Every structure is written in C-alpha cells, then in structure tokens.
Amino acid sequence: MMPWITLITAGLFEVAFAASLSKARTAAAPESYWWFTAFVISLSLSMWLLYRATHHIPMGTAYGVWTGIGAVGTVLVGIIFFQEAVNFWRLFFISTLIISIVGLKVVSSGN
C-alpha cells in the first residue's frame, strides 16, 4: 500500500509543479521567483517520489497513474483556481481519466 501512497503523492506534486509554473509565468518579480522556486521543489519531489514508487510498481503502471493524477489534478486546479471553462465534455473526459487510473491500480501486478 505504501508504494501507492508514494505514487499518489508524486502525482499531487505534479499538480503543484504545473500550477506553480503557471503562476510563475503570470506573476511579476519578485513574486514570480517564489513561484518558480515552488515549481522546482515540486518538480524535484514529484520525480523523486515517482522514482521511489517504481521500485514496487511496474513502470508503465506507475507512469500512467502519475500522469493521470497530474492531468486530472491540473484540469481541476485550472477550473477551481484559474476560472478555466467547465463543460460536459471536459468533465466527461476527466471522468474517463479517473476510471483509467483506477483501472490501472486494479489490474496492476504491483503492490
């Protein structure tokens, strides 16, 4: 179970680095430097945790889940915090990503 918690945490840091990069791009100095620092830290932690998770979870499964969490989380952060568009098709495809992530966990031969 712990490798999956590590992988989920890595995915959440992926969301954090994407959001931080977006904020760094739009903020003015010196605030942009803080957002860029958050980006670098989140990116580093995300990659390290993904690396750790792949010691116990097959790479294809881990990478698929990691990118899925990042994609779903980034879209949701965009909708909630950056006022990005919400429509049926966006929600439909986010749902299919979530189903795919859960499916990979269910059929995984890893822990």
C-alpha atoms as a PDB file:
ATOM      1  CA  MET A   1       0.000   0.000   0.000  1.00  0.00           C
ATOM      2  CA  MET A   2       2.832   2.405   0.787  1.00  0.00           C
ATOM      3  CA  PRO A   3       4.157   2.474  -2.822  1.00  0.00           C
ATOM      4  CA  TRP A   4       0.695   3.559  -3.985  1.00  0.00           C
ATOM      5  CA  ILE A   5       0.574   6.335  -1.400  1.00  0.00           C
ATOM      6  CA  THR A   6       4.026   7.415  -2.596  1.00  0.00           C
ATOM      7  CA  LEU A   7       2.803   7.389  -6.210  1.00  0.00           C
ATOM      8  CA  ILE A   8      -0.346   9.381  -5.397  1.00  0.00           C
ATOM      9  CA  THR A   9       1.782  11.924  -3.525  1.00  0.00           C
ATOM     10  CA  ALA A  10       4.085  12.155  -6.558  1.00  0.00           C
ATOM     11  CA  GLY A  11       1.037  12.865  -8.721  1.00  0.00           C
ATOM     12  CA  LEU A  12      -0.105  15.606  -6.357  1.00  0.00           C
ATOM     13  CA  PHE A  13       3.329  17.223  -6.550  1.00  0.00           C
ATOM     14  CA  GLU A  14       2.982  17.059 -10.339  1.00  0.00           C
ATOM     15  CA  VAL A  15      -0.192  19.133  -9.990  1.00  0.00           C
ATOM     16  CA  ALA A  16       1.707  21.528  -7.715  1.00  0.00           C
ATOM     17  CA  PHE A  17       4.538  21.988 -10.200  1.00  0.00           C
ATOM     18  CA  ALA A  18       2.140  22.648 -13.060  1.00  0.00           C
ATOM     19  CA  ALA A  19       0.180  25.201 -11.022  1.00  0.00           C
ATOM     20  CA  SER A  20       3.392  26.837  -9.767  1.00  0.00           C
ATOM     21  CA  LEU A  21       4.729  27.114 -13.293  1.00  0.00           C
ATOM     22  CA  SER A  22       1.509  28.773 -14.393  1.00  0.00           C
ATOM     23  CA  LYS A  23       1.665  31.263 -11.521  1.00  0.00           C
ATOM     24  CA  ALA A  24       5.382  31.959 -12.119  1.00  0.00           C
ATOM     25  CA  ARG A  25       4.631  32.713 -15.759  1.00  0.00           C
ATOM     26  CA  THR A  26       1.957  35.302 -14.916  1.00  0.00           C
ATOM     27  CA  ALA A  27       3.388  36.854 -11.725  1.00  0.00           C
ATOM     28  CA  ALA A  28       5.675  39.859 -11.642  1.00  0.00           C
ATOM     29  CA  ALA A  29       9.083  39.817  -9.983  1.00  0.00           C
ATOM     30  CA  PRO A  30       9.864  39.176  -7.144  1.00  0.00           C
ATOM     31  CA  GLU A  31       6.713  37.075  -6.651  1.00  0.00           C
ATOM     32  CA  SER A  32       7.484  35.099  -9.816  1.00  0.00           C
ATOM     33  CA  TYR A  33      10.769  33.919  -8.242  1.00  0.00           C
ATOM     34  CA  TRP A  34       8.868  32.374  -5.323  1.00  0.00           C
ATOM     35  CA  TRP A  35       6.524  30.581  -7.721  1.00  0.00           C
ATOM     36  CA  PHE A  36       9.463  29.358  -9.796  1.00  0.00           C
ATOM     37  CA  THR A  37      11.137  28.085  -6.621  1.00  0.00           C
ATOM     38  CA  ALA A  38       7.921  26.237  -5.715  1.00  0.00           C
ATOM     39  CA  PHE A  39       7.920  24.806  -9.251  1.00  0.00           C
ATOM     40  CA  VAL A  40      11.487  23.470  -8.934  1.00  0.00           C
ATOM     41  CA  ILE A  41      10.855  21.981  -5.480  1.00  0.00           C
ATOM     42  CA  SER A  42       7.558  20.380  -6.541  1.00  0.00           C
ATOM     43  CA  LEU A  43       9.108  19.017  -9.737  1.00  0.00           C
ATOM     44  CA  SER A  44      12.025  17.522  -7.825  1.00  0.00           C
ATOM     45  CA  LEU A  45       9.804  15.914  -5.189  1.00  0.00           C
ATOM     46  CA  SER A  46       7.414  14.582  -7.811  1.00  0.00           C
ATOM     47  CA  MET A  47      10.203  12.926  -9.791  1.00  0.00           C
ATOM     48  CA  TRP A  48      11.888  11.509  -6.695  1.00  0.00           C
ATOM     49  CA  LEU A  49       8.625  10.047  -5.384  1.00  0.00           C
ATOM     50  CA  LEU A  50       7.833   8.586  -8.816  1.00  0.00           C
ATOM     51  CA  TYR A  51      11.291   7.002  -8.833  1.00  0.00           C
ATOM     52  CA  ARG A  52      10.666   5.530  -5.362  1.00  0.00           C
ATOM     53  CA  ALA A  53       7.259   4.171  -6.348  1.00  0.00           C
ATOM     54  CA  THR A  54       8.718   2.393  -9.382  1.00  0.00           C
ATOM     55  CA  HIS A  55      10.737   0.179  -7.069  1.00  0.00           C
ATOM     56  CA  HIS A  56       7.474  -1.646  -6.285  1.00  0.00           C
ATOM     57  CA  ILE A  57       5.015  -0.725  -9.039  1.00  0.00           C
ATOM     58  CA  PRO A  58       5.681  -1.555 -12.710  1.00  0.00           C
ATOM     59  CA  MET A  59       6.997   1.483 -14.608  1.00  0.00           C
ATOM     60  CA  GLY A  60       4.173   1.524 -17.173  1.00  0.00           C
ATOM     61  CA  THR A  61       1.524   1.451 -14.473  1.00  0.00           C
ATOM     62  CA  ALA A  62       3.298   3.986 -12.254  1.00  0.00           C
ATOM     63  CA  TYR A  63       3.877   6.423 -15.100  1.00  0.00           C
ATOM     64  CA  GLY A  64       0.304   6.091 -16.347  1.00  0.00           C
ATOM     65  CA  VAL A  65      -1.134   6.714 -12.894  1.00  0.00           C
ATOM     66  CA  TRP A  66       1.297   9.577 -12.216  1.00  0.00           C
ATOM     67  CA  THR A  67       0.473  11.388 -15.447  1.00  0.00           C
ATOM     68  CA  GLY A  68      -3.236  10.685 -14.971  1.00  0.00           C
ATOM     69  CA  ILE A  69      -3.261  12.194 -11.492  1.00  0.00           C
ATOM     70  CA  GLY A  70      -1.308  15.150 -12.848  1.00  0.00           C
ATOM     71  CA  ALA A  71      -3.675  15.646 -15.778  1.00  0.00           C
ATOM     72  CA  VAL A  72      -6.873  15.357 -13.741  1.00  0.00           C
ATOM     73  CA  GLY A  73      -5.492  17.444 -10.898  1.00  0.00           C
ATOM     74  CA  THR A  74      -4.173  20.160 -13.186  1.00  0.00           C
ATOM     75  CA  VAL A  75      -7.506  20.443 -15.010  1.00  0.00           C
ATOM     76  CA  LEU A  76      -9.364  20.644 -11.690  1.00  0.00           C
ATOM     77  CA  VAL A  77      -6.948  23.282 -10.343  1.00  0.00           C
ATOM     78  CA  GLY A  78      -7.433  25.231 -13.571  1.00  0.00           C
ATOM     79  CA  ILE A  79     -11.208  25.075 -13.185  1.00  0.00           C
ATOM     80  CA  ILE A  80     -11.260  25.885  -9.459  1.00  0.00           C
ATOM     81  CA  PHE A  81      -8.463  28.453  -9.163  1.00  0.00           C
ATOM     82  CA  PHE A  82      -7.885  29.839 -12.662  1.00  0.00           C
ATOM     83  CA  GLN A  83     -11.522  30.045 -13.824  1.00  0.00           C
ATOM     84  CA  GLU A  84     -10.978  27.770 -16.818  1.00  0.00           C
ATOM     85  CA  ALA A  85     -14.035  26.646 -18.763  1.00  0.00           C
ATOM     86  CA  VAL A  86     -16.253  23.866 -17.440  1.00  0.00           C
ATOM     87  CA  ASN A  87     -18.435  21.933 -19.831  1.00  0.00           C
ATOM     88  CA  PHE A  88     -19.862  18.463 -20.266  1.00  0.00           C
ATOM     89  CA  TRP A  89     -17.023  17.181 -22.467  1.00  0.00           C
ATOM     90  CA  ARG A  90     -14.254  18.349 -20.133  1.00  0.00           C
ATOM     91  CA  LEU A  91     -15.961  16.652 -17.199  1.00  0.00           C
ATOM     92  CA  PHE A  92     -16.647  13.541 -19.294  1.00  0.00           C
ATOM     93  CA  PHE A  93     -13.009  13.142 -20.307  1.00  0.00           C
ATOM     94  CA  ILE A  94     -11.751  13.878 -16.785  1.00  0.00           C
ATOM     95  CA  SER A  95     -14.061  11.068 -15.645  1.00  0.00           C
ATOM     96  CA  THR A  96     -12.575   8.686 -18.210  1.00  0.00           C
ATOM     97  CA  LEU A  97      -9.083   9.529 -16.951  1.00  0.00           C
ATOM     98  CA  ILE A  98     -10.130   8.797 -13.369  1.00  0.00           C
ATOM     99  CA  ILE A  99     -11.672   5.481 -14.441  1.00  0.00           C
ATOM    100  CA  SER A 100      -8.438   4.632 -16.282  1.00  0.00           C
ATOM    101  CA  ILE A 101      -6.294   5.452 -13.235  1.00  0.00           C
ATOM    102  CA  VAL A 102      -8.446   3.252 -11.006  1.00  0.00           C
ATOM    103  CA  GLY A 103      -8.385   0.528 -13.663  1.00  0.00           C
ATOM    104  CA  LEU A 104      -4.584   0.542 -13.763  1.00  0.00           C
ATOM    105  CA  LYS A 105      -4.490   0.151  -9.986  1.00  0.00           C
ATOM    106  CA  VAL A 106      -6.969  -2.730 -10.079  1.00  0.00           C
ATOM    107  CA  VAL A 107      -5.165  -4.717 -12.778  1.00  0.00           C
ATOM    108  CA  SER A 108      -1.623  -3.895 -11.627  1.00  0.00           C
ATOM    109  CA  SER A 109       0.602  -6.805 -10.675  1.00  0.00           C
ATOM    110  CA  GLY A 110       2.450  -4.487  -8.264  1.00  0.00           C
ATOM    111  CA  ASN A 111       1.584  -3.989  -4.582  1.00  0.00           C
END
